[in-house]
Amino acid sequence: MSKKRKAATVKSAVSGIQHDGAKMPPGLTTDAFSNVLARLGYGTPNLLEGTEYPLTRLTNNYQLLNSLYRNNWIARRVIDTIPEDMCRNWITVKTQVDPMQLEQLDKLWRTRRLKERILDGLKWGRLYGGAVGLLMIEGHEDILDQPLDFDMIMPGSFKNIMVVDRWAGAYPSEELEENINDVEFGLPKYYEITLTTGTLLRVHHSRVLRFVGKRLPYWEMLAEVYWGESEIEVIYEELKKRDNTSFNIASLVFLANLRVLKMSDLGQDLAVNDSKAQSALYNTLQAQNWLMSNMGLYVMDAADSMETHQYSFSGINEIYESFMMDISGAARMPVTKLFGRSPAGMNATGESDMQNYYEVVEQDQESMLAPIINKVLPVMCMSEWGAIPDDLDYSFNPIQTPDDGEVAELIQQKTTAIVSLVNAGILSQKTALQELRQLGDTTGMFTNITDKQIENADDSTNVGEAVPNEAFGSIMGSQATNRTAVPERNKASDAKAWSFTGWLNRTKRNR
């Protein structure tokens, strides 16, 4: 038999398999496991095969999302926590401009409350799947439908960011951006934004900040009108399991101690069609119950008896915690962060869980917050400085802030390594100064080393050369706050004779 004929025979046999009277569609083949007689595997009538995953699209259920955010503390923490950690330590602008100019940017962040506006946009994007932030530039009211031209931003014209979620008056247009050089190629070219006064604005996408929830495949993105998916949709099923379990555990508390009264003539009393006798029995039981509730006596007939049944709660806590872990996994947050619980287990610190969480936040910073900063920062520079520096850049500050002891240990280790390389003739003084200034990104120290000092430093790798006074005189003459708790040391009288190693050791201790 040829290979083609054999394959056709196998295909015909598979397509003709009967599953309790249900024939598989002709031409349908599968590589799944199936045991028809035992009712196991694909296409057989069993409980597992009855599982379905219908497409619900809860992101479109506006009332449900609002109810969960307002009334359910877990849903609110899922929405708020990651954006708050993304914006907590904010950014550091990197450019070779006067420090006074950088302070102008910092002042603009604070006075206009731009950080708070961006935080709101991130939250509503995660809750509703999408939100926009309109860059409010004075003098651009009549040209909002035109691409943003930085040369038309006058000094002091940038005022604020107006955040509107997708349900409160922000709707993408059907016209898409066709310029392949645009970072938003394939996304809506315009947005229709409705103000609280009822005014409808047509705004070019270059003037709009997009806050999107979870990203979706292309066709699902079209179903959400170029928005994303709400974070609530991912945790909704797990949240229902946890809430139902919590309420059931709470109801079991009322059944923790049941008292049972056995009455020998109860059946006869109920059988007698006498409402007065039944009322008297009810009043007697009610009075007895009040006495028991007040730690009183319980009087009964000699033939009657009283029993107490206690409910055992063993195993319930493990079930409850398993649902908590499921929600944490769906929300990409550790239990210690989401529920505010201490790490469980012997010698558990939760450091690995938090480290994984910090990596999630850093990833969201790059994918969700960075596009927002890329649009806002140049507009701020034009409004405050009248120009955009060629070397304009920024970096996100570390999410986890080390304490002074950790900073001191880190500085000691890294600077000792630099000193060893200089003493061995591997690094030059110029390279060492560059390495020291780079440490400022993580330690906050050695940031005052200027480009001029680095340029004037010796670039040779000869061991034991003196440090030029013009290169390090300003640093050696400064007194910094002792953040590392390292004891200070008296300076030598003749600064010119100091070697690089001596200067570096004294700088560490003065810091």
Protein backbone atom coordinates (compact mmCIF):
# COMPACT_ATOMS: atom_id res chain seq x y z
CA MET A 1 0.00 0.00 0.00
CA SER A 2 1.35 3.44 -0.99
CA LYS A 3 1.92 6.17 1.57
CA LYS A 4 -0.82 8.38 0.11
CA ARG A 5 -3.38 5.54 0.16
CA LYS A 6 -2.39 4.56 3.71
CA ALA A 7 -2.77 8.15 4.92
CA ALA A 8 -6.20 8.38 3.26
CA THR A 9 -7.29 5.16 4.98
CA VAL A 10 -6.18 6.46 8.43
CA LYS A 11 -7.94 9.80 7.81
CA SER A 12 -11.16 7.99 6.84
CA ALA A 13 -11.01 5.80 9.91
CA VAL A 14 -10.50 8.76 12.23
CA SER A 15 -13.33 10.74 10.65
CA GLY A 16 -15.70 7.82 11.09
CA ILE A 17 -15.18 7.27 14.83
CA GLN A 18 -18.47 7.21 16.72
CA HIS A 19 -18.72 9.02 20.08
CA ASP A 20 -22.00 7.90 21.66
CA GLY A 21 -23.82 8.32 18.40
CA ALA A 22 -22.09 11.62 17.51
CA LYS A 23 -19.95 11.35 14.42
CA MET A 24 -16.97 13.65 14.02
CA PRO A 25 -17.19 16.08 11.08
CA PRO A 26 -15.80 14.66 7.84
CA GLY A 27 -12.19 15.60 7.20
CA LEU A 28 -11.55 16.55 10.86
CA THR A 29 -8.41 14.98 12.28
CA THR A 30 -7.00 15.31 15.76
CA ASP A 31 -3.84 14.33 17.58
CA ALA A 32 -5.52 14.34 20.99
CA PHE A 33 -5.89 11.31 23.25
CA SER A 34 -9.28 9.59 23.11
CA ASN A 35 -10.66 6.34 24.59
CA VAL A 36 -14.28 6.04 23.49
CA LEU A 37 -15.18 2.91 25.43
CA ALA A 38 -13.77 4.26 28.69
CA ARG A 39 -15.18 7.73 27.92
CA LEU A 40 -11.81 9.33 28.40
CA GLY A 41 -10.08 12.06 26.39
CA TYR A 42 -11.10 14.25 23.49
CA GLY A 43 -14.69 14.15 22.23
CA THR A 44 -15.99 11.70 24.86
CA PRO A 45 -18.88 12.46 27.24
CA ASN A 46 -17.12 13.13 30.55
CA LEU A 47 -16.96 15.98 33.04
CA LEU A 48 -13.66 17.35 31.78
CA GLU A 49 -14.86 17.52 28.17
CA GLY A 50 -17.87 19.47 29.38
CA THR A 51 -15.58 22.40 30.21
CA GLU A 52 -15.99 25.46 28.01
CA TYR A 53 -14.35 28.88 27.90
CA PRO A 54 -16.91 31.29 26.46
CA LEU A 55 -15.76 34.70 25.26
CA THR A 56 -17.33 37.07 27.78
CA ARG A 57 -15.53 40.40 27.14
CA LEU A 58 -16.21 41.76 30.61
CA THR A 59 -14.28 44.90 29.67
CA ASN A 60 -17.47 46.17 28.02
CA ASN A 61 -19.46 45.76 31.26
CA TYR A 62 -19.06 49.32 32.55
CA GLN A 63 -21.35 48.88 35.57
CA LEU A 64 -19.57 45.73 36.74
CA LEU A 65 -16.14 47.38 36.55
CA ASN A 66 -17.36 50.40 38.50
CA SER A 67 -19.02 48.23 41.16
CA LEU A 68 -15.91 46.12 41.68
CA TYR A 69 -13.60 49.14 41.88
CA ARG A 70 -15.83 50.96 44.36
CA ASN A 71 -16.87 48.06 46.58
CA ASN A 72 -14.23 45.32 46.34
CA TRP A 73 -10.93 46.14 48.02
CA ILE A 74 -9.03 43.39 46.21
CA ALA A 75 -10.09 44.68 42.78
CA ARG A 76 -9.09 48.19 43.78
CA ARG A 77 -5.66 47.08 44.96
CA VAL A 78 -5.13 45.17 41.72
CA ILE A 79 -5.88 48.32 39.73
CA ASP A 80 -4.02 50.86 41.91
CA THR A 81 -0.94 49.12 43.30
CA ILE A 82 1.19 48.58 40.18
CA PRO A 83 0.64 52.11 38.76
CA GLU A 84 1.43 53.64 42.15
CA ASP A 85 4.69 51.67 42.34
CA MET A 86 5.49 52.61 38.74
CA CYS A 87 5.26 56.31 39.59
CA ARG A 88 6.50 56.21 43.18
CA ASN A 89 10.18 57.08 42.63
CA TRP A 90 9.55 58.66 39.23
CA ILE A 91 12.35 59.45 36.77
CA THR A 92 15.73 61.15 36.55
CA VAL A 93 16.23 63.44 33.55
CA LYS A 94 19.67 63.01 31.97
CA THR A 95 21.02 65.94 29.98
CA GLN A 96 24.02 68.26 30.14
CA VAL A 97 22.13 71.42 31.05
CA ASP A 98 22.41 73.77 33.98
CA PRO A 99 21.09 72.24 37.22
CA MET A 100 18.84 75.26 37.65
CA GLN A 101 17.06 74.32 34.43
CA LEU A 102 16.48 70.79 35.69
CA GLU A 103 14.91 72.28 38.81
CA GLN A 104 12.47 74.10 36.54
CA LEU A 105 11.30 70.75 35.18
CA ASP A 106 10.96 69.33 38.69
CA LYS A 107 8.93 72.36 39.70
CA LEU A 108 6.64 71.92 36.69
CA TRP A 109 6.00 68.29 37.66
CA ARG A 110 4.95 69.42 41.13
CA THR A 111 3.05 72.64 40.49
CA ARG A 112 0.98 71.24 37.61
CA ARG A 113 0.52 67.89 39.39
CA LEU A 114 1.45 66.11 36.19
CA LYS A 115 2.57 62.99 38.00
CA GLU A 116 -0.88 62.68 39.57
CA ARG A 117 -2.57 63.10 36.20
CA ILE A 118 -0.41 60.40 34.62
CA LEU A 119 -1.12 58.11 37.57
CA ASP A 120 -4.86 58.59 37.05
CA GLY A 121 -4.49 57.76 33.38
CA LEU A 122 -2.63 54.54 34.19
CA LYS A 123 -5.32 53.51 36.69
CA TRP A 124 -8.27 54.18 34.40
CA GLY A 125 -6.48 52.45 31.55
CA ARG A 126 -6.09 49.35 33.69
CA LEU A 127 -9.68 49.54 34.96
CA TYR A 128 -11.57 50.28 31.74
CA GLY A 129 -9.05 49.03 29.21
CA GLY A 130 -8.29 52.49 27.85
CA ALA A 131 -8.03 56.19 28.63
CA VAL A 132 -6.46 59.27 27.04
CA GLY A 133 -4.60 62.31 28.30
CA LEU A 134 -4.95 65.54 26.32
CA LEU A 135 -1.86 67.77 26.35
CA MET A 136 -3.23 71.20 27.26
CA ILE A 137 -1.06 73.81 25.50
CA GLU A 138 -2.11 77.43 25.61
CA GLY A 139 -2.69 78.92 22.14
CA HIS A 140 -3.33 75.56 20.47
CA GLU A 141 -7.10 75.52 21.05
CA ASP A 142 -7.90 75.99 17.34
CA ILE A 143 -5.29 73.61 15.91
CA LEU A 144 -5.89 70.47 17.96
CA ASP A 145 -6.63 68.49 14.80
CA GLN A 146 -3.17 69.27 13.42
CA PRO A 147 0.05 67.37 14.29
CA LEU A 148 1.93 68.82 17.23
CA ASP A 149 4.73 71.16 16.13
CA PHE A 150 7.27 71.73 18.90
CA ASP A 151 8.34 75.03 17.36
CA MET A 152 4.85 76.39 18.04
CA ILE A 153 5.07 75.72 21.80
CA MET A 154 5.64 79.08 23.43
CA PRO A 155 7.48 79.54 26.76
CA GLY A 156 5.18 78.73 29.67
CA SER A 157 2.37 77.53 27.39
CA PHE A 158 2.16 73.94 28.63
CA LYS A 159 -0.52 73.95 31.33
CA ASN A 160 -1.63 70.45 32.24
CA ILE A 161 -2.92 67.03 31.14
CA MET A 162 -6.65 66.34 30.97
CA VAL A 163 -7.35 62.64 31.54
CA VAL A 164 -10.54 61.10 30.12
CA ASP A 165 -11.35 57.38 30.18
CA ARG A 166 -12.86 55.57 27.20
CA TRP A 167 -16.39 55.73 28.63
CA ALA A 168 -16.28 59.38 29.71
CA GLY A 169 -15.86 60.99 26.32
CA ALA A 170 -12.84 59.60 24.45
CA TYR A 171 -13.47 57.76 21.19
CA PRO A 172 -10.87 56.81 18.54
CA SER A 173 -11.57 57.68 14.93
CA GLU A 174 -11.81 55.13 12.15
CA GLU A 175 -9.00 56.86 10.25
CA LEU A 176 -5.66 55.24 11.04
CA GLU A 177 -2.13 56.62 11.01
CA GLU A 178 -0.51 55.54 7.71
CA ASN A 179 2.95 57.06 8.18
CA ILE A 180 5.30 54.15 8.79
CA ASN A 181 7.79 56.47 10.50
CA ASP A 182 5.25 57.35 13.18
CA VAL A 183 5.51 55.33 16.40
CA GLU A 184 1.70 55.01 16.41
CA PHE A 185 1.50 53.58 12.90
CA GLY A 186 -1.69 51.53 12.49
CA LEU A 187 -3.42 53.17 15.46
CA PRO A 188 -6.18 55.82 15.31
CA LYS A 189 -5.04 59.07 13.77
CA TYR A 190 -7.59 61.21 15.62
CA TYR A 191 -9.54 61.05 18.86
CA GLU A 192 -12.91 62.61 19.54
CA ILE A 193 -12.88 63.97 23.09
CA THR A 194 -16.02 65.34 24.71
CA LEU A 195 -15.51 67.97 27.40
CA THR A 196 -17.72 68.32 30.48
CA THR A 197 -19.35 71.33 28.80
CA GLY A 198 -20.47 69.12 25.91
CA THR A 199 -17.92 70.49 23.46
CA LEU A 200 -16.62 67.87 21.01
CA LEU A 201 -12.92 68.13 20.11
CA ARG A 202 -11.18 66.39 17.25
CA VAL A 203 -7.58 65.88 18.39
CA HIS A 204 -4.56 64.58 16.48
CA HIS A 205 -2.91 61.56 18.10
CA SER A 206 0.38 63.45 18.60
CA ARG A 207 -1.40 65.56 21.22
CA VAL A 208 -2.90 62.55 23.01
CA LEU A 209 -1.41 60.20 25.60
CA ARG A 210 -2.72 56.66 25.22
CA PHE A 211 -3.27 54.70 28.45
CA VAL A 212 -4.08 51.12 27.49
CA GLY A 213 -4.88 48.09 29.63
CA LYS A 214 -3.74 44.59 28.75
CA ARG A 215 -2.82 44.39 25.09
CA LEU A 216 -4.92 42.13 22.88
CA PRO A 217 -4.50 40.37 19.53
CA TYR A 218 -5.48 42.35 16.47
CA TRP A 219 -9.08 41.22 16.05
CA GLU A 220 -9.81 41.52 19.74
CA MET A 221 -8.25 44.98 19.72
CA LEU A 222 -10.68 45.90 16.94
CA ALA A 223 -13.54 44.54 19.06
CA GLU A 224 -12.43 46.87 21.85
CA VAL A 225 -12.18 49.84 19.41
CA TYR A 226 -8.37 49.93 19.55
CA TRP A 227 -8.29 49.77 23.35
CA GLY A 228 -7.01 47.01 25.60
CA GLU A 229 -8.48 44.63 28.13
CA SER A 230 -9.36 45.52 31.70
CA GLU A 231 -7.21 43.97 34.41
CA ILE A 232 -10.44 43.00 36.19
CA GLU A 233 -11.35 40.61 33.39
CA VAL A 234 -8.31 38.46 34.08
CA ILE A 235 -8.94 38.06 37.82
CA TYR A 236 -12.76 38.04 37.76
CA GLU A 237 -13.31 34.27 37.97
CA GLU A 238 -10.65 33.84 40.65
CA LEU A 239 -12.12 36.77 42.56
CA LYS A 240 -15.55 35.12 42.61
CA LYS A 241 -14.06 31.92 44.00
CA ARG A 242 -12.24 33.75 46.76
CA ASP A 243 -15.21 35.94 47.75
CA ASN A 244 -17.62 33.00 47.87
CA THR A 245 -15.17 31.01 49.95
CA SER A 246 -14.69 33.93 52.32
CA PHE A 247 -18.43 34.40 52.84
CA ASN A 248 -18.97 30.67 53.38
CA ILE A 249 -16.22 30.61 56.01
CA ALA A 250 -17.84 33.57 57.74
CA SER A 251 -21.22 31.81 57.79
CA LEU A 252 -19.65 28.72 59.33
CA VAL A 253 -18.69 30.76 62.38
CA PHE A 254 -22.36 30.91 63.36
CA LEU A 255 -22.45 27.09 63.27
CA ALA A 256 -19.35 26.64 65.39
CA ASN A 257 -21.38 25.65 68.47
CA LEU A 258 -24.85 24.13 68.03
CA ARG A 259 -27.05 23.33 71.05
CA VAL A 260 -29.68 20.63 70.60
CA LEU A 261 -32.63 20.15 72.99
CA LYS A 262 -34.29 16.73 72.94
CA MET A 263 -37.91 16.73 74.16
CA SER A 264 -39.73 13.47 74.71
CA ASP A 265 -43.23 14.85 74.08
CA LEU A 266 -42.42 17.36 71.35
CA GLY A 267 -44.13 15.33 68.64
CA GLN A 268 -47.33 15.07 70.65
CA ASP A 269 -47.39 18.79 71.35
CA LEU A 270 -46.99 19.62 67.68
CA ALA A 271 -49.61 17.05 66.66
CA VAL A 272 -52.26 18.61 68.87
CA ASN A 273 -54.22 21.10 66.82
CA ASP A 274 -54.19 23.69 69.56
CA SER A 275 -52.64 27.05 68.68
CA LYS A 276 -52.50 28.12 72.31
CA ALA A 277 -50.46 25.05 73.29
CA GLN A 278 -48.09 25.56 70.37
CA SER A 279 -47.73 29.25 71.24
CA ALA A 280 -46.98 28.38 74.86
CA LEU A 281 -44.31 25.90 73.71
CA TYR A 282 -42.73 28.51 71.47
CA ASN A 283 -42.69 31.13 74.23
CA THR A 284 -41.13 28.65 76.63
CA LEU A 285 -38.34 27.76 74.19
CA GLN A 286 -37.73 31.42 73.46
CA ALA A 287 -37.45 32.24 77.16
CA GLN A 288 -35.09 29.34 77.70
CA ASN A 289 -32.96 30.53 74.78
CA TRP A 290 -32.72 34.01 76.29
CA LEU A 291 -31.60 32.51 79.57
CA MET A 292 -28.88 30.51 77.84
CA SER A 293 -27.73 33.57 75.89
CA ASN A 294 -27.25 35.44 79.13
CA MET A 295 -25.25 32.62 80.77
CA GLY A 296 -28.27 31.67 82.85
CA LEU A 297 -29.86 28.35 83.76
CA TYR A 298 -31.66 26.03 81.39
CA VAL A 299 -34.60 24.27 83.00
CA MET A 300 -35.97 21.13 81.34
CA ASP A 301 -37.97 18.06 82.07
CA ALA A 302 -36.21 15.06 83.55
CA ALA A 303 -36.92 13.10 80.39
CA ASP A 304 -35.42 15.82 78.17
CA SER A 305 -31.72 16.24 77.37
CA MET A 306 -29.34 18.91 76.05
CA GLU A 307 -26.43 18.27 73.65
CA THR A 308 -23.73 20.53 72.18
CA HIS A 309 -22.13 19.93 68.78
CA GLN A 310 -18.94 21.78 67.81
CA TYR A 311 -17.89 22.31 64.20
CA SER A 312 -14.32 21.57 63.16
CA PHE A 313 -12.60 24.20 60.95
CA SER A 314 -9.56 22.10 60.09
CA GLY A 315 -8.47 22.36 56.45
CA ILE A 316 -10.51 25.45 55.64
CA ASN A 317 -7.57 27.82 55.93
CA GLU A 318 -5.58 25.87 53.34
CA ILE A 319 -8.48 26.08 50.88
CA TYR A 320 -8.87 29.80 51.51
CA GLU A 321 -5.16 30.46 51.00
CA SER A 322 -5.14 28.52 47.73
CA PHE A 323 -7.75 30.89 46.30
CA MET A 324 -5.71 33.85 47.52
CA MET A 325 -2.68 32.51 45.68
CA ASP A 326 -4.72 32.08 42.50
CA ILE A 327 -5.78 35.75 42.60
CA SER A 328 -2.19 36.82 43.25
CA GLY A 329 -0.97 34.83 40.27
CA ALA A 330 -3.65 36.31 38.00
CA ALA A 331 -2.82 39.83 39.21
CA ARG A 332 0.97 39.28 38.91
CA MET A 333 1.41 40.36 42.51
CA PRO A 334 2.74 38.38 45.50
CA VAL A 335 0.37 37.56 48.33
CA THR A 336 2.46 39.71 50.68
CA LYS A 337 1.83 42.74 48.45
CA LEU A 338 -1.78 42.15 47.42
CA PHE A 339 -3.18 40.99 50.77
CA GLY A 340 -0.68 42.64 53.10
CA ARG A 341 0.30 39.35 54.72
CA SER A 342 3.66 38.38 56.13
CA PRO A 343 5.54 35.58 54.30
CA ALA A 344 4.57 32.11 55.46
CA GLY A 345 6.94 29.29 56.31
CA MET A 346 10.12 28.94 58.32
CA ASN A 347 12.81 31.52 57.52
CA ALA A 348 10.57 33.02 54.84
CA THR A 349 11.40 36.63 54.01
CA GLY A 350 9.44 37.15 50.79
CA GLU A 351 12.46 38.76 49.10
CA SER A 352 12.29 36.49 46.05
CA ASP A 353 8.56 37.20 45.62
CA MET A 354 9.11 40.94 45.87
CA GLN A 355 12.03 40.77 43.46
CA ASN A 356 9.78 39.08 40.90
CA TYR A 357 7.16 41.76 41.53
CA TYR A 358 9.69 44.55 41.02
CA GLU A 359 10.62 43.01 37.68
CA VAL A 360 6.94 43.07 36.67
CA VAL A 361 6.69 46.75 37.61
CA GLU A 362 9.87 47.59 35.71
CA GLN A 363 8.53 45.80 32.65
CA ASP A 364 5.28 47.79 32.85
CA GLN A 365 7.28 50.99 33.21
CA GLU A 366 9.01 50.35 29.92
CA SER A 367 5.91 49.20 28.04
CA MET A 368 3.22 51.49 29.49
CA LEU A 369 4.80 54.50 31.20
CA ALA A 370 7.78 55.13 28.91
CA PRO A 371 5.62 56.02 25.84
CA ILE A 372 3.82 58.57 28.00
CA ILE A 373 7.05 60.19 29.24
CA ASN A 374 8.41 60.22 25.68
CA LYS A 375 5.55 62.48 24.65
CA VAL A 376 5.33 64.70 27.73
CA LEU A 377 9.03 65.43 28.36
CA PRO A 378 9.81 67.23 25.06
CA VAL A 379 6.71 69.40 25.46
CA MET A 380 7.85 70.36 28.97
CA CYS A 381 11.33 71.22 27.71
CA MET A 382 9.96 73.48 24.97
CA SER A 383 7.64 75.19 27.45
CA GLU A 384 10.35 75.75 30.09
CA TRP A 385 13.59 76.08 28.09
CA GLY A 386 12.43 76.99 24.59
CA ALA A 387 14.43 74.10 23.12
CA ILE A 388 14.87 70.34 23.35
CA PRO A 389 18.46 69.27 24.22
CA ASP A 390 20.05 66.88 21.76
CA ASP A 391 21.12 64.59 24.60
CA LEU A 392 17.73 64.60 26.36
CA ASP A 393 17.18 61.26 28.05
CA TYR A 394 15.78 59.86 31.27
CA SER A 395 15.84 56.74 33.40
CA PHE A 396 13.40 55.28 35.89
CA ASN A 397 14.60 55.49 39.45
CA PRO A 398 14.92 52.15 41.29
CA ILE A 399 11.61 50.93 42.68
CA GLN A 400 13.19 49.48 45.80
CA THR A 401 15.03 52.10 47.83
CA PRO A 402 17.98 50.67 49.83
CA ASP A 403 18.65 51.90 53.33
CA ASP A 404 21.82 53.72 54.38
CA GLY A 405 23.50 50.53 55.51
CA GLU A 406 22.95 48.83 52.17
CA VAL A 407 24.15 51.94 50.31
CA ALA A 408 27.30 52.08 52.45
CA GLU A 409 28.06 48.41 51.81
CA LEU A 410 27.46 48.82 48.08
CA ILE A 411 29.74 51.86 47.86
CA GLN A 412 32.44 50.12 49.88
CA GLN A 413 32.44 47.09 47.60
CA LYS A 414 32.41 48.97 44.30
CA THR A 415 34.90 51.65 45.20
CA THR A 416 37.28 49.06 46.65
CA ALA A 417 37.13 47.24 43.33
CA ILE A 418 37.91 50.48 41.46
CA VAL A 419 40.84 51.25 43.78
CA SER A 420 42.28 47.77 43.24
CA LEU A 421 42.11 48.16 39.46
CA VAL A 422 43.79 51.58 39.61
CA ASN A 423 46.55 50.26 41.89
CA ALA A 424 47.10 47.36 39.52
CA GLY A 425 47.50 49.74 36.58
CA ILE A 426 44.44 48.37 34.77
CA LEU A 427 42.29 51.51 35.01
CA SER A 428 43.40 55.10 34.56
CA GLN A 429 42.33 57.99 36.77
CA LYS A 430 40.01 59.27 34.05
CA THR A 431 38.26 55.93 33.67
CA ALA A 432 38.02 55.58 37.44
CA LEU A 433 36.29 58.96 37.70
CA GLN A 434 33.86 57.93 35.00
CA GLU A 435 33.08 54.73 36.88
CA LEU A 436 32.59 56.69 40.10
CA ARG A 437 30.14 59.10 38.52
CA GLN A 438 28.23 56.22 37.04
CA LEU A 439 27.78 54.86 40.58
CA GLY A 440 25.63 57.91 41.26
CA ASP A 441 22.72 56.26 39.41
CA THR A 442 22.44 53.60 42.11
CA THR A 443 24.08 55.17 45.18
CA GLY A 444 23.41 58.89 44.87
CA MET A 445 27.10 59.64 45.50
CA PHE A 446 29.91 60.98 43.28
CA THR A 447 27.34 62.82 41.16
CA ASN A 448 29.26 66.11 41.49
CA ILE A 449 32.15 64.87 39.38
CA THR A 450 32.02 67.10 36.31
CA ASP A 451 33.05 66.54 32.73
CA LYS A 452 35.89 69.04 33.15
CA GLN A 453 37.36 67.10 36.07
CA ILE A 454 37.22 63.90 34.06
CA GLU A 455 38.82 65.60 31.06
CA ASN A 456 41.71 66.98 33.16
CA ALA A 457 42.39 63.65 34.86
CA ASP A 458 45.35 61.50 33.82
CA ASP A 459 44.45 58.91 31.20
CA SER A 460 47.54 56.77 31.72
CA THR A 461 47.59 53.53 33.68
CA ASN A 462 50.89 54.11 35.50
CA VAL A 463 50.73 53.12 39.14
CA GLY A 464 51.20 55.72 41.84
CA GLU A 465 50.89 58.92 39.81
CA ALA A 466 49.81 62.02 41.64
CA VAL A 467 46.34 63.38 41.16
CA PRO A 468 46.25 66.74 39.35
CA ASN A 469 45.10 69.44 41.72
CA GLU A 470 43.00 71.14 39.05
CA ALA A 471 41.09 67.91 38.47
CA PHE A 472 40.19 67.03 42.06
CA GLY A 473 40.70 70.19 44.09
CA SER A 474 37.00 71.07 44.13
CA ILE A 475 36.01 67.60 45.28
CA MET A 476 38.73 67.35 47.91
CA GLY A 477 37.74 70.70 49.36
CA SER A 478 34.05 69.82 49.75
CA GLN A 479 32.37 68.43 52.82
CA ALA A 480 29.46 66.08 52.19
CA THR A 481 26.94 64.58 54.55
CA ASN A 482 28.15 61.41 56.19
CA ARG A 483 25.39 59.06 54.89
CA THR A 484 27.34 55.85 55.30
CA ALA A 485 28.24 56.22 58.98
CA VAL A 486 31.93 55.69 58.12
CA PRO A 487 34.17 57.62 60.56
CA GLU A 488 35.75 60.69 59.02
CA ARG A 489 39.50 61.00 58.75
CA ASN A 490 41.71 64.08 58.98
CA LYS A 491 42.88 65.32 55.63
CA ALA A 492 46.55 65.61 54.77
CA SER A 493 48.07 69.03 54.67
CA ASP A 494 49.68 68.70 51.27
CA ALA A 495 46.90 67.83 48.80
CA LYS A 496 49.17 67.95 45.78
CA ALA A 497 51.16 64.95 46.99
CA TRP A 498 48.16 62.69 47.39
CA SER A 499 47.94 59.68 45.16
CA PHE A 500 44.67 58.70 43.52
CA THR A 501 44.21 55.86 45.99
CA GLY A 502 44.57 58.13 48.97
CA TRP A 503 42.15 60.67 47.54
CA LEU A 504 39.57 58.00 46.75
CA ASN A 505 39.77 56.43 50.21
CA ARG A 506 39.29 59.81 51.87
CA THR A 507 36.39 60.64 49.58
CA LYS A 508 34.65 57.42 50.59
CA ARG A 509 35.06 58.14 54.25
CA ASN A 510 33.93 61.76 53.94
CA ARG A 511 30.81 60.59 52.23
